[in-house]
Amino acid sequence: SEHSKLPMQKLRQHLFILLHEDAVMHLMRVAAGLDSLVLGEGQILAQV
């Protein structure tokens, strides 16, 4: 909120929060390109 200068109320509607097993699987999916706008895109692995 402080970094973006967006009030918490406005910011919260855009955020997702994942805990432990869900957070672990999410990073795996991101690295594999399964959560990308372009399914399977390769650049995200380099970004991870």
ModelCIF file with pLDDT and N, C-alpha, C, O atoms, coordinates in Angstrom:
data_MODEL
#
_entry.id   MODEL 
#
_entity.id                         1 
_entity.type                       polymer 
_entity.pdbx_number_of_molecules   1 
#
_entity_poly.entity_id                      1 
_entity_poly.type                           'polypeptide(L)' 
_entity_poly.nstd_linkage                   no 
_entity_poly.nstd_monomer                   no 
_entity_poly.pdbx_seq_one_letter_code       SEHSKLPMQKLRQHLFILLHEDAVMHLMRVAAGLDSLVLGEGQILAQV 
_entity_poly.pdbx_seq_one_letter_code_can   SEHSKLPMQKLRQHLFILLHEDAVMHLMRVAAGLDSLVLGEGQILAQV 
_entity_poly.pdbx_strand_id                 A 
#
loop_
_entity_poly_seq.entity_id 
_entity_poly_seq.num 
_entity_poly_seq.mon_id 
_entity_poly_seq.hetero 
1 1  SER n 
1 2  GLU n 
1 3  HIS n 
1 4  SER n 
1 5  LYS n 
1 6  LEU n 
1 7  PRO n 
1 8  MET n 
1 9  GLN n 
1 10 LYS n 
1 11 LEU n 
1 12 ARG n 
1 13 GLN n 
1 14 HIS n 
1 15 LEU n 
1 16 PHE n 
1 17 ILE n 
1 18 LEU n 
1 19 LEU n 
1 20 HIS n 
1 21 GLU n 
1 22 ASP n 
1 23 ALA n 
1 24 VAL n 
1 25 MET n 
1 26 HIS n 
1 27 LEU n 
1 28 MET n 
1 29 ARG n 
1 30 VAL n 
1 31 ALA n 
1 32 ALA n 
1 33 GLY n 
1 34 LEU n 
1 35 ASP n 
1 36 SER n 
1 37 LEU n 
1 38 VAL n 
1 39 LEU n 
1 40 GLY n 
1 41 GLU n 
1 42 GLY n 
1 43 GLN n 
1 44 ILE n 
1 45 LEU n 
1 46 ALA n 
1 47 GLN n 
1 48 VAL n 
#
_struct_asym.id          A 
_struct_asym.entity_id   1 
#
loop_
_ma_qa_metric.id 
_ma_qa_metric.mode 
_ma_qa_metric.name 
_ma_qa_metric.software_group_id 
_ma_qa_metric.type 
1 global pLDDT . pLDDT 
2 local  pLDDT . pLDDT 
#
_ma_qa_metric_global.metric_id      1 
_ma_qa_metric_global.metric_value   92.92 
_ma_qa_metric_global.model_id       1 
_ma_qa_metric_global.ordinal_id     1 
#
loop_
_ma_qa_metric_local.label_asym_id 
_ma_qa_metric_local.label_comp_id 
_ma_qa_metric_local.label_seq_id 
_ma_qa_metric_local.metric_id 
_ma_qa_metric_local.metric_value 
_ma_qa_metric_local.model_id 
_ma_qa_metric_local.ordinal_id 
A SER 1  2 96.00 1 1  
A GLU 2  2 96.00 1 2  
A HIS 3  2 95.00 1 3  
A SER 4  2 95.00 1 4  
A LYS 5  2 95.00 1 5  
A LEU 6  2 95.00 1 6  
A PRO 7  2 95.00 1 7  
A MET 8  2 94.00 1 8  
A GLN 9  2 93.00 1 9  
A LYS 10 2 94.00 1 10 
A LEU 11 2 95.00 1 11 
A ARG 12 2 94.00 1 12 
A GLN 13 2 95.00 1 13 
A HIS 14 2 96.00 1 14 
A LEU 15 2 97.00 1 15 
A PHE 16 2 97.00 1 16 
A ILE 17 2 97.00 1 17 
A LEU 18 2 96.00 1 18 
A LEU 19 2 95.00 1 19 
A HIS 20 2 92.00 1 20 
A GLU 21 2 91.00 1 21 
A ASP 22 2 95.00 1 22 
A ALA 23 2 96.00 1 23 
A VAL 24 2 96.00 1 24 
A MET 25 2 96.00 1 25 
A HIS 26 2 96.00 1 26 
A LEU 27 2 97.00 1 27 
A MET 28 2 96.00 1 28 
A ARG 29 2 95.00 1 29 
A VAL 30 2 96.00 1 30 
A ALA 31 2 95.00 1 31 
A ALA 32 2 93.00 1 32 
A GLY 33 2 91.00 1 33 
A LEU 34 2 91.00 1 34 
A ASP 35 2 92.00 1 35 
A SER 36 2 89.00 1 36 
A LEU 37 2 85.00 1 37 
A VAL 38 2 83.00 1 38 
A LEU 39 2 82.00 1 39 
A GLY 40 2 83.00 1 40 
A GLU 41 2 82.00 1 41 
A GLY 42 2 80.00 1 42 
A GLN 43 2 87.00 1 43 
A ILE 44 2 92.00 1 44 
A LEU 45 2 94.00 1 45 
A ALA 46 2 93.00 1 46 
A GLN 47 2 95.00 1 47 
A VAL 48 2 97.00 1 48 
#
loop_
_atom_site.group_PDB 
_atom_site.id 
_atom_site.type_symbol 
_atom_site.label_atom_id 
_atom_site.label_alt_id 
_atom_site.label_comp_id 
_atom_site.label_asym_id 
_atom_site.label_entity_id 
_atom_site.label_seq_id 
_atom_site.pdbx_PDB_ins_code 
_atom_site.Cartn_x 
_atom_site.Cartn_y 
_atom_site.Cartn_z 
_atom_site.occupancy 
_atom_site.B_iso_or_equiv 
_atom_site.pdbx_formal_charge 
_atom_site.auth_seq_id 
_atom_site.auth_comp_id 
_atom_site.auth_asym_id 
_atom_site.auth_atom_id 
_atom_site.pdbx_PDB_model_num 
ATOM 1   N N  . SER A 1 1  ? 0.836  -1.208  0.000   1.00 96.00 ? 1  SER A N  1 
ATOM 2   C CA . SER A 1 1  ? 0.000  0.000   0.000   1.00 96.00 ? 1  SER A CA 1 
ATOM 3   C C  . SER A 1 1  ? 0.869  1.256   0.000   1.00 96.00 ? 1  SER A C  1 
ATOM 4   O O  . SER A 1 1  ? 0.608  2.203   -0.742  1.00 96.00 ? 1  SER A O  1 
ATOM 5   N N  . GLU A 1 2  ? 1.896  1.251   0.834   1.00 96.00 ? 2  GLU A N  1 
ATOM 6   C CA . GLU A 1 2  ? 2.784  2.417   0.911   1.00 96.00 ? 2  GLU A CA 1 
ATOM 7   C C  . GLU A 1 2  ? 3.593  2.579   -0.372  1.00 96.00 ? 2  GLU A C  1 
ATOM 8   O O  . GLU A 1 2  ? 3.789  3.695   -0.853  1.00 96.00 ? 2  GLU A O  1 
ATOM 9   N N  . HIS A 1 3  ? 4.067  1.451   -0.925  1.00 95.00 ? 3  HIS A N  1 
ATOM 10  C CA . HIS A 1 3  ? 4.879  1.512   -2.145  1.00 95.00 ? 3  HIS A CA 1 
ATOM 11  C C  . HIS A 1 3  ? 4.065  2.030   -3.328  1.00 95.00 ? 3  HIS A C  1 
ATOM 12  O O  . HIS A 1 3  ? 4.551  2.842   -4.116  1.00 95.00 ? 3  HIS A O  1 
ATOM 13  N N  . SER A 1 4  ? 2.832  1.559   -3.448  1.00 95.00 ? 4  SER A N  1 
ATOM 14  C CA . SER A 1 4  ? 1.998  1.920   -4.599  1.00 95.00 ? 4  SER A CA 1 
ATOM 15  C C  . SER A 1 4  ? 1.218  3.213   -4.399  1.00 95.00 ? 4  SER A C  1 
ATOM 16  O O  . SER A 1 4  ? 0.666  3.781   -5.342  1.00 95.00 ? 4  SER A O  1 
ATOM 17  N N  . LYS A 1 5  ? 1.185  3.671   -3.130  1.00 95.00 ? 5  LYS A N  1 
ATOM 18  C CA . LYS A 1 5  ? 0.372  4.845   -2.765  1.00 95.00 ? 5  LYS A CA 1 
ATOM 19  C C  . LYS A 1 5  ? -1.120 4.606   -3.049  1.00 95.00 ? 5  LYS A C  1 
ATOM 20  O O  . LYS A 1 5  ? -1.879 5.544   -3.292  1.00 95.00 ? 5  LYS A O  1 
ATOM 21  N N  . LEU A 1 6  ? -1.516 3.332   -3.010  1.00 95.00 ? 6  LEU A N  1 
ATOM 22  C CA . LEU A 1 6  ? -2.927 2.984   -3.128  1.00 95.00 ? 6  LEU A CA 1 
ATOM 23  C C  . LEU A 1 6  ? -3.471 2.724   -1.724  1.00 95.00 ? 6  LEU A C  1 
ATOM 24  O O  . LEU A 1 6  ? -2.844 2.000   -0.951  1.00 95.00 ? 6  LEU A O  1 
ATOM 25  N N  . PRO A 1 7  ? -4.620 3.297   -1.381  1.00 95.00 ? 7  PRO A N  1 
ATOM 26  C CA . PRO A 1 7  ? -5.197 3.013   -0.063  1.00 95.00 ? 7  PRO A CA 1 
ATOM 27  C C  . PRO A 1 7  ? -5.508 1.525   0.073   1.00 95.00 ? 7  PRO A C  1 
ATOM 28  O O  . PRO A 1 7  ? -5.842 0.858   -0.906  1.00 95.00 ? 7  PRO A O  1 
ATOM 29  N N  . MET A 1 8  ? -5.395 1.022   1.283   1.00 94.00 ? 8  MET A N  1 
ATOM 30  C CA . MET A 1 8  ? -5.561 -0.402  1.535   1.00 94.00 ? 8  MET A CA 1 
ATOM 31  C C  . MET A 1 8  ? -6.887 -0.934  0.990   1.00 94.00 ? 8  MET A C  1 
ATOM 32  O O  . MET A 1 8  ? -6.943 -2.035  0.441   1.00 94.00 ? 8  MET A O  1 
ATOM 33  N N  . GLN A 1 9  ? -7.938 -0.154  1.145   1.00 93.00 ? 9  GLN A N  1 
ATOM 34  C CA . GLN A 1 9  ? -9.265 -0.592  0.713   1.00 93.00 ? 9  GLN A CA 1 
ATOM 35  C C  . GLN A 1 9  ? -9.299 -0.855  -0.794  1.00 93.00 ? 9  GLN A C  1 
ATOM 36  O O  . GLN A 1 9  ? -9.926 -1.812  -1.247  1.00 93.00 ? 9  GLN A O  1 
ATOM 37  N N  . LYS A 1 10 ? -8.629 -0.010  -1.558  1.00 94.00 ? 10 LYS A N  1 
ATOM 38  C CA . LYS A 1 10 ? -8.611 -0.178  -3.013  1.00 94.00 ? 10 LYS A CA 1 
ATOM 39  C C  . LYS A 1 10 ? -7.645 -1.292  -3.425  1.00 94.00 ? 10 LYS A C  1 
ATOM 40  O O  . LYS A 1 10 ? -7.900 -2.024  -4.381  1.00 94.00 ? 10 LYS A O  1 
ATOM 41  N N  . LEU A 1 11 ? -6.536 -1.411  -2.692  1.00 95.00 ? 11 LEU A N  1 
ATOM 42  C CA . LEU A 1 11 ? -5.529 -2.400  -3.035  1.00 95.00 ? 11 LEU A CA 1 
ATOM 43  C C  . LEU A 1 11 ? -6.017 -3.825  -2.796  1.00 95.00 ? 11 LEU A C  1 
ATOM 44  O O  . LEU A 1 11 ? -5.767 -4.713  -3.611  1.00 95.00 ? 11 LEU A O  1 
ATOM 45  N N  . ARG A 1 12 ? -6.705 -4.046  -1.693  1.00 94.00 ? 12 ARG A N  1 
ATOM 46  C CA . ARG A 1 12 ? -7.093 -5.398  -1.276  1.00 94.00 ? 12 ARG A CA 1 
ATOM 47  C C  . ARG A 1 12 ? -7.894 -6.151  -2.340  1.00 94.00 ? 12 ARG A C  1 
ATOM 48  O O  . ARG A 1 12 ? -7.758 -7.367  -2.475  1.00 94.00 ? 12 ARG A O  1 
ATOM 49  N N  . GLN A 1 13 ? -8.729 -5.431  -3.095  1.00 95.00 ? 13 GLN A N  1 
ATOM 50  C CA . GLN A 1 13 ? -9.597 -6.104  -4.070  1.00 95.00 ? 13 GLN A CA 1 
ATOM 51  C C  . GLN A 1 13 ? -8.795 -6.730  -5.213  1.00 95.00 ? 13 GLN A C  1 
ATOM 52  O O  . GLN A 1 13 ? -9.307 -7.578  -5.944  1.00 95.00 ? 13 GLN A O  1 
ATOM 53  N N  . HIS A 1 14 ? -7.538 -6.310  -5.364  1.00 96.00 ? 14 HIS A N  1 
ATOM 54  C CA . HIS A 1 14 ? -6.706 -6.833  -6.453  1.00 96.00 ? 14 HIS A CA 1 
ATOM 55  C C  . HIS A 1 14 ? -5.718 -7.903  -5.975  1.00 96.00 ? 14 HIS A C  1 
ATOM 56  O O  . HIS A 1 14 ? -5.121 -8.598  -6.796  1.00 96.00 ? 14 HIS A O  1 
ATOM 57  N N  . LEU A 1 15 ? -5.541 -8.041  -4.665  1.00 97.00 ? 15 LEU A N  1 
ATOM 58  C CA . LEU A 1 15 ? -4.521 -8.942  -4.138  1.00 97.00 ? 15 LEU A CA 1 
ATOM 59  C C  . LEU A 1 15 ? -5.028 -10.375 -3.998  1.00 97.00 ? 15 LEU A C  1 
ATOM 60  O O  . LEU A 1 15 ? -6.212 -10.607 -3.752  1.00 97.00 ? 15 LEU A O  1 
ATOM 61  N N  . PHE A 1 16 ? -4.127 -11.315 -4.156  1.00 97.00 ? 16 PHE A N  1 
ATOM 62  C CA . PHE A 1 16 ? -4.405 -12.690 -3.749  1.00 97.00 ? 16 PHE A CA 1 
ATOM 63  C C  . PHE A 1 16 ? -3.392 -13.078 -2.685  1.00 97.00 ? 16 PHE A C  1 
ATOM 64  O O  . PHE A 1 16 ? -2.254 -12.608 -2.696  1.00 97.00 ? 16 PHE A O  1 
ATOM 65  N N  . ILE A 1 17 ? -3.810 -13.933 -1.775  1.00 97.00 ? 17 ILE A N  1 
ATOM 66  C CA . ILE A 1 17 ? -2.948 -14.404 -0.687  1.00 97.00 ? 17 ILE A CA 1 
ATOM 67  C C  . ILE A 1 17 ? -3.035 -15.927 -0.663  1.00 97.00 ? 17 ILE A C  1 
ATOM 68  O O  . ILE A 1 17 ? -4.123 -16.492 -0.549  1.00 97.00 ? 17 ILE A O  1 
ATOM 69  N N  . LEU A 1 18 ? -1.881 -16.588 -0.771  1.00 96.00 ? 18 LEU A N  1 
ATOM 70  C CA . LEU A 1 18 ? -1.826 -18.048 -0.736  1.00 96.00 ? 18 LEU A CA 1 
ATOM 71  C C  . LEU A 1 18 ? -0.877 -18.477 0.372   1.00 96.00 ? 18 LEU A C  1 
ATOM 72  O O  . LEU A 1 18 ? 0.174  -17.870 0.579   1.00 96.00 ? 18 LEU A O  1 
ATOM 73  N N  . LEU A 1 19 ? -1.262 -19.537 1.083   1.00 95.00 ? 19 LEU A N  1 
ATOM 74  C CA . LEU A 1 19 ? -0.478 -19.980 2.232   1.00 95.00 ? 19 LEU A CA 1 
ATOM 75  C C  . LEU A 1 19 ? 0.089  -21.375 1.999   1.00 95.00 ? 19 LEU A C  1 
ATOM 76  O O  . LEU A 1 19 ? -0.531 -22.214 1.345   1.00 95.00 ? 19 LEU A O  1 
ATOM 77  N N  . HIS A 1 20 ? 1.218  -21.593 2.520   1.00 92.00 ? 20 HIS A N  1 
ATOM 78  C CA . HIS A 1 20 ? 2.039  -22.796 2.481   1.00 92.00 ? 20 HIS A CA 1 
ATOM 79  C C  . HIS A 1 20 ? 1.864  -23.658 1.222   1.00 92.00 ? 20 HIS A C  1 
ATOM 80  O O  . HIS A 1 20 ? 2.387  -23.286 0.171   1.00 92.00 ? 20 HIS A O  1 
ATOM 81  N N  . GLU A 1 21 ? 1.142  -24.805 1.282   1.00 91.00 ? 21 GLU A N  1 
ATOM 82  C CA . GLU A 1 21 ? 1.081  -25.702 0.123   1.00 91.00 ? 21 GLU A CA 1 
ATOM 83  C C  . GLU A 1 21 ? 0.597  -24.975 -1.126  1.00 91.00 ? 21 GLU A C  1 
ATOM 84  O O  . GLU A 1 21 ? 1.098  -25.212 -2.225  1.00 91.00 ? 21 GLU A O  1 
ATOM 85  N N  . ASP A 1 22 ? -0.389 -24.081 -0.949  1.00 95.00 ? 22 ASP A N  1 
ATOM 86  C CA . ASP A 1 22 ? -0.907 -23.324 -2.102  1.00 95.00 ? 22 ASP A CA 1 
ATOM 87  C C  . ASP A 1 22 ? 0.144  -22.353 -2.634  1.00 95.00 ? 22 ASP A C  1 
ATOM 88  O O  . ASP A 1 22 ? 0.263  -22.163 -3.844  1.00 95.00 ? 22 ASP A O  1 
ATOM 89  N N  . ALA A 1 23 ? 0.911  -21.737 -1.724  1.00 96.00 ? 23 ALA A N  1 
ATOM 90  C CA . ALA A 1 23 ? 1.970  -20.815 -2.139  1.00 96.00 ? 23 ALA A CA 1 
ATOM 91  C C  . ALA A 1 23 ? 3.081  -21.570 -2.862  1.00 96.00 ? 23 ALA A C  1 
ATOM 92  O O  . ALA A 1 23 ? 3.615  -21.094 -3.864  1.00 96.00 ? 23 ALA A O  1 
ATOM 93  N N  . VAL A 1 24 ? 3.425  -22.747 -2.347  1.00 96.00 ? 24 VAL A N  1 
ATOM 94  C CA . VAL A 1 24 ? 4.472  -23.575 -2.967  1.00 96.00 ? 24 VAL A CA 1 
ATOM 95  C C  . VAL A 1 24 ? 4.051  -23.987 -4.381  1.00 96.00 ? 24 VAL A C  1 
ATOM 96  O O  . VAL A 1 24 ? 4.824  -23.836 -5.327  1.00 96.00 ? 24 VAL A O  1 
ATOM 97  N N  . MET A 1 25 ? 2.835  -24.504 -4.524  1.00 96.00 ? 25 MET A N  1 
ATOM 98  C CA . MET A 1 25 ? 2.351  -24.909 -5.843  1.00 96.00 ? 25 MET A CA 1 
ATOM 99  C C  . MET A 1 25 ? 2.257  -23.718 -6.792  1.00 96.00 ? 25 MET A C  1 
ATOM 100 O O  . MET A 1 25 ? 2.543  -23.847 -7.983  1.00 96.00 ? 25 MET A O  1 
ATOM 101 N N  . HIS A 1 26 ? 1.859  -22.563 -6.270  1.00 96.00 ? 26 HIS A N  1 
ATOM 102 C CA . HIS A 1 26 ? 1.739  -21.381 -7.128  1.00 96.00 ? 26 HIS A CA 1 
ATOM 103 C C  . HIS A 1 26 ? 3.085  -21.027 -7.755  1.00 96.00 ? 26 HIS A C  1 
ATOM 104 O O  . HIS A 1 26 ? 3.158  -20.773 -8.958  1.00 96.00 ? 26 HIS A O  1 
ATOM 105 N N  . LEU A 1 27 ? 4.153  -21.006 -6.950  1.00 97.00 ? 27 LEU A N  1 
ATOM 106 C CA . LEU A 1 27 ? 5.464  -20.666 -7.507  1.00 97.00 ? 27 LEU A CA 1 
ATOM 107 C C  . LEU A 1 27 ? 5.897  -21.708 -8.536  1.00 97.00 ? 27 LEU A C  1 
ATOM 108 O O  . LEU A 1 27 ? 6.498  -21.362 -9.553  1.00 97.00 ? 27 LEU A O  1 
ATOM 109 N N  . MET A 1 28 ? 5.600  -22.967 -8.281  1.00 96.00 ? 28 MET A N  1 
ATOM 110 C CA . MET A 1 28 ? 5.921  -24.015 -9.262  1.00 96.00 ? 28 MET A CA 1 
ATOM 111 C C  . MET A 1 28 ? 5.195  -23.740 -10.586 1.00 96.00 ? 28 MET A C  1 
ATOM 112 O O  . MET A 1 28 ? 5.794  -23.850 -11.655 1.00 96.00 ? 28 MET A O  1 
ATOM 113 N N  . ARG A 1 29 ? 3.914  -23.385 -10.514 1.00 95.00 ? 29 ARG A N  1 
ATOM 114 C CA . ARG A 1 29 ? 3.119  -23.131 -11.716 1.00 95.00 ? 29 ARG A CA 1 
ATOM 115 C C  . ARG A 1 29 ? 3.631  -21.892 -12.450 1.00 95.00 ? 29 ARG A C  1 
ATOM 116 O O  . ARG A 1 29 ? 3.685  -21.859 -13.680 1.00 95.00 ? 29 ARG A O  1 
ATOM 117 N N  . VAL A 1 30 ? 4.006  -20.873 -11.673 1.00 96.00 ? 30 VAL A N  1 
ATOM 118 C CA . VAL A 1 30 ? 4.548  -19.654 -12.279 1.00 96.00 ? 30 VAL A CA 1 
ATOM 119 C C  . VAL A 1 30 ? 5.835  -19.986 -13.044 1.00 96.00 ? 30 VAL A C  1 
ATOM 120 O O  . VAL A 1 30 ? 5.989  -19.592 -14.200 1.00 96.00 ? 30 VAL A O  1 
ATOM 121 N N  . ALA A 1 31 ? 6.754  -20.709 -12.400 1.00 95.00 ? 31 ALA A N  1 
ATOM 122 C CA . ALA A 1 31 ? 8.036  -21.040 -13.028 1.00 95.00 ? 31 ALA A CA 1 
ATOM 123 C C  . ALA A 1 31 ? 7.851  -21.891 -14.284 1.00 95.00 ? 31 ALA A C  1 
ATOM 124 O O  . ALA A 1 31 ? 8.640  -21.808 -15.225 1.00 95.00 ? 31 ALA A O  1 
ATOM 125 N N  . ALA A 1 32 ? 6.803  -22.704 -14.285 1.00 93.00 ? 32 ALA A N  1 
ATOM 126 C CA . ALA A 1 32 ? 6.535  -23.577 -15.436 1.00 93.00 ? 32 ALA A CA 1 
ATOM 127 C C  . ALA A 1 32 ? 5.790  -22.860 -16.561 1.00 93.00 ? 32 ALA A C  1 
ATOM 128 O O  . ALA A 1 32 ? 5.597  -23.431 -17.634 1.00 93.00 ? 32 ALA A O  1 
ATOM 129 N N  . GLY A 1 33 ? 5.369  -21.619 -16.327 1.00 91.00 ? 33 GLY A N  1 
ATOM 130 C CA . GLY A 1 33 ? 4.628  -20.880 -17.349 1.00 91.00 ? 33 GLY A CA 1 
ATOM 131 C C  . GLY A 1 33 ? 3.155  -21.219 -17.396 1.00 91.00 ? 33 GLY A C  1 
ATOM 132 O O  . GLY A 1 33 ? 2.465  -20.847 -18.345 1.00 91.00 ? 33 GLY A O  1 
ATOM 133 N N  . LEU A 1 34 ? 2.651  -21.933 -16.369 1.00 91.00 ? 34 LEU A N  1 
ATOM 134 C CA . LEU A 1 34 ? 1.240  -22.332 -16.375 1.00 91.00 ? 34 LEU A CA 1 
ATOM 135 C C  . LEU A 1 34 ? 0.323  -21.242 -15.825 1.00 91.00 ? 34 LEU A C  1 
ATOM 136 O O  . LEU A 1 34 ? -0.898 -21.338 -15.954 1.00 91.00 ? 34 LEU A O  1 
ATOM 137 N N  . ASP A 1 35 ? 0.895  -20.215 -15.218 1.00 92.00 ? 35 ASP A N  1 
ATOM 138 C CA . ASP A 1 35 ? 0.078  -19.126 -14.694 1.00 92.00 ? 35 ASP A CA 1 
ATOM 139 C C  . ASP A 1 35 ? 0.243  -17.858 -15.528 1.00 92.00 ? 35 ASP A C  1 
ATOM 140 O O  . ASP A 1 35 ? -0.263 -16.797 -15.162 1.00 92.00 ? 35 ASP A O  1 
ATOM 141 N N  . SER A 1 36 ? 0.952  -17.973 -16.647 1.00 89.00 ? 36 SER A N  1 
ATOM 142 C CA . SER A 1 36 ? 1.255  -16.807 -17.477 1.00 89.00 ? 36 SER A CA 1 
ATOM 143 C C  . SER A 1 36 ? 0.073  -16.415 -18.352 1.00 89.00 ? 36 SER A C  1 
ATOM 144 O O  . SER A 1 36 ? -0.803 -17.231 -18.638 1.00 89.00 ? 36 SER A O  1 
ATOM 145 N N  . LEU A 1 37 ? 0.062  -15.163 -18.767 1.00 85.00 ? 37 LEU A N  1 
ATOM 146 C CA . LEU A 1 37 ? -0.926 -14.696 -19.748 1.00 85.00 ? 37 LEU A CA 1 
ATOM 147 C C  . LEU A 1 37 ? -0.821 -15.559 -20.998 1.00 85.00 ? 37 LEU A C  1 
ATOM 148 O O  . LEU A 1 37 ? -1.830 -15.953 -21.582 1.00 85.00 ? 37 LEU A O  1 
ATOM 149 N N  . VAL A 1 38 ? 0.412  -15.848 -21.399 1.00 83.00 ? 38 VAL A N  1 
ATOM 150 C CA . VAL A 1 38 ? 0.675  -16.724 -22.536 1.00 83.00 ? 38 VAL A CA 1 
ATOM 151 C C  . VAL A 1 38 ? 1.100  -18.071 -21.971 1.00 83.00 ? 38 VAL A C  1 
ATOM 152 O O  . VAL A 1 38 ? 2.224  -18.215 -21.491 1.00 83.00 ? 38 VAL A O  1 
ATOM 153 N N  . LEU A 1 39 ? 0.211  -19.062 -22.024 1.00 82.00 ? 39 LEU A N  1 
ATOM 154 C CA . LEU A 1 39 ? 0.447  -20.356 -21.402 1.00 82.00 ? 39 LEU A CA 1 
ATOM 155 C C  . LEU A 1 39 ? 1.708  -21.007 -21.969 1.00 82.00 ? 39 LEU A C  1 
ATOM 156 O O  . LEU A 1 39 ? 1.816  -21.231 -23.174 1.00 82.00 ? 39 LEU A O  1 
ATOM 157 N N  . GLY A 1 40 ? 2.657  -21.308 -21.083 1.00 83.00 ? 40 GLY A N  1 
ATOM 158 C CA . GLY A 1 40 ? 3.891  -21.962 -21.501 1.00 83.00 ? 40 GLY A CA 1 
ATOM 159 C C  . GLY A 1 40 ? 5.000  -21.026 -21.928 1.00 83.00 ? 40 GLY A C  1 
ATOM 160 O O  . GLY A 1 40 ? 6.043  -21.489 -22.390 1.00 83.00 ? 40 GLY A O  1 
ATOM 161 N N  . GLU A 1 41 ? 4.811  -19.719 -21.789 1.00 82.00 ? 41 GLU A N  1 
ATOM 162 C CA . GLU A 1 41 ? 5.857  -18.781 -22.230 1.00 82.00 ? 41 GLU A CA 1 
ATOM 163 C C  . GLU A 1 41 ? 7.136  -19.002 -21.429 1.00 82.00 ? 41 GLU A C  1 
ATOM 164 O O  . GLU A 1 41 ? 7.095  -19.304 -20.236 1.00 82.00 ? 41 GLU A O  1 
ATOM 165 N N  . GLY A 1 42 ? 8.270  -18.847 -22.105 1.00 80.00 ? 42 GLY A N  1 
ATOM 166 C CA . GLY A 1 42 ? 9.542  -19.225 -21.509 1.00 80.00 ? 42 GLY A CA 1 
ATOM 167 C C  . GLY A 1 42 ? 10.237 -18.163 -20.688 1.00 80.00 ? 42 GLY A C  1 
ATOM 168 O O  . GLY A 1 42 ? 11.080 -18.488 -19.852 1.00 80.00 ? 42 GLY A O  1 
ATOM 169 N N  . GLN A 1 43 ? 9.906  -16.902 -20.901 1.00 87.00 ? 43 GLN A N  1 
ATOM 170 C CA . GLN A 1 43 ? 10.661 -15.823 -20.258 1.00 87.00 ? 43 GLN A CA 1 
ATOM 171 C C  . GLN A 1 43 ? 10.498 -15.828 -18.737 1.00 87.00 ? 43 GLN A C  1 
ATOM 172 O O  . GLN A 1 43 ? 11.398 -15.393 -18.018 1.00 87.00 ? 43 GLN A O  1 
ATOM 173 N N  . ILE A 1 44 ? 9.365  -16.314 -18.246 1.00 92.00 ? 44 ILE A N  1 
ATOM 174 C CA . ILE A 1 44 ? 9.083  -16.259 -16.814 1.00 92.00 ? 44 ILE A CA 1 
ATOM 175 C C  . ILE A 1 44 ? 10.089 -17.093 -16.011 1.00 92.00 ? 44 ILE A C  1 
ATOM 176 O O  . ILE A 1 44 ? 10.416 -16.724 -14.882 1.00 92.00 ? 44 ILE A O  1 
ATOM 177 N N  . LEU A 1 45 ? 10.584 -18.196 -16.558 1.00 94.00 ? 45 LEU A N  1 
ATOM 178 C CA . LEU A 1 45 ? 11.546 -19.022 -15.817 1.00 94.00 ? 45 LEU A CA 1 
ATOM 179 C C  . LEU A 1 45 ? 12.822 -18.232 -15.548 1.00 94.00 ? 45 LEU A C  1 
ATOM 180 O O  . LEU A 1 45 ? 13.380 -18.308 -14.454 1.00 94.00 ? 45 LEU A O  1 
ATOM 181 N N  . ALA A 1 46 ? 13.284 -17.478 -16.535 1.00 93.00 ? 46 ALA A N  1 
ATOM 182 C CA . ALA A 1 46 ? 14.457 -16.629 -16.335 1.00 93.00 ? 46 ALA A CA 1 
ATOM 183 C C  . ALA A 1 46 ? 14.181 -15.558 -15.283 1.00 93.00 ? 46 ALA A C  1 
ATOM 184 O O  . ALA A 1 46 ? 15.072 -15.186 -14.519 1.00 93.00 ? 46 ALA A O  1 
ATOM 185 N N  . GLN A 1 47 ? 12.933 -15.062 -15.247 1.00 95.00 ? 47 GLN A N  1 
ATOM 186 C CA . GLN A 1 47 ? 12.574 -14.042 -14.258 1.00 95.00 ? 47 GLN A CA 1 
ATOM 187 C C  . GLN A 1 47 ? 12.531 -14.627 -12.847 1.00 95.00 ? 47 GLN A C  1 
ATOM 188 O O  . GLN A 1 47 ? 12.907 -13.957 -11.885 1.00 95.00 ? 47 GLN A O  1 
ATOM 189 N N  . VAL A 1 48 ? 12.072 -15.879 -12.719 1.00 97.00 ? 48 VAL A N  1 
ATOM 190 C CA . VAL A 1 48 ? 12.090 -16.553 -11.415 1.00 97.00 ? 48 VAL A CA 1 
ATOM 191 C C  . VAL A 1 48 ? 13.535 -16.772 -10.965 1.00 97.00 ? 48 VAL A C  1 
ATOM 192 O O  . VAL A 1 48 ? 13.770 -17.325 -9.891  1.00 97.00 ? 48 VAL A O  1 
#
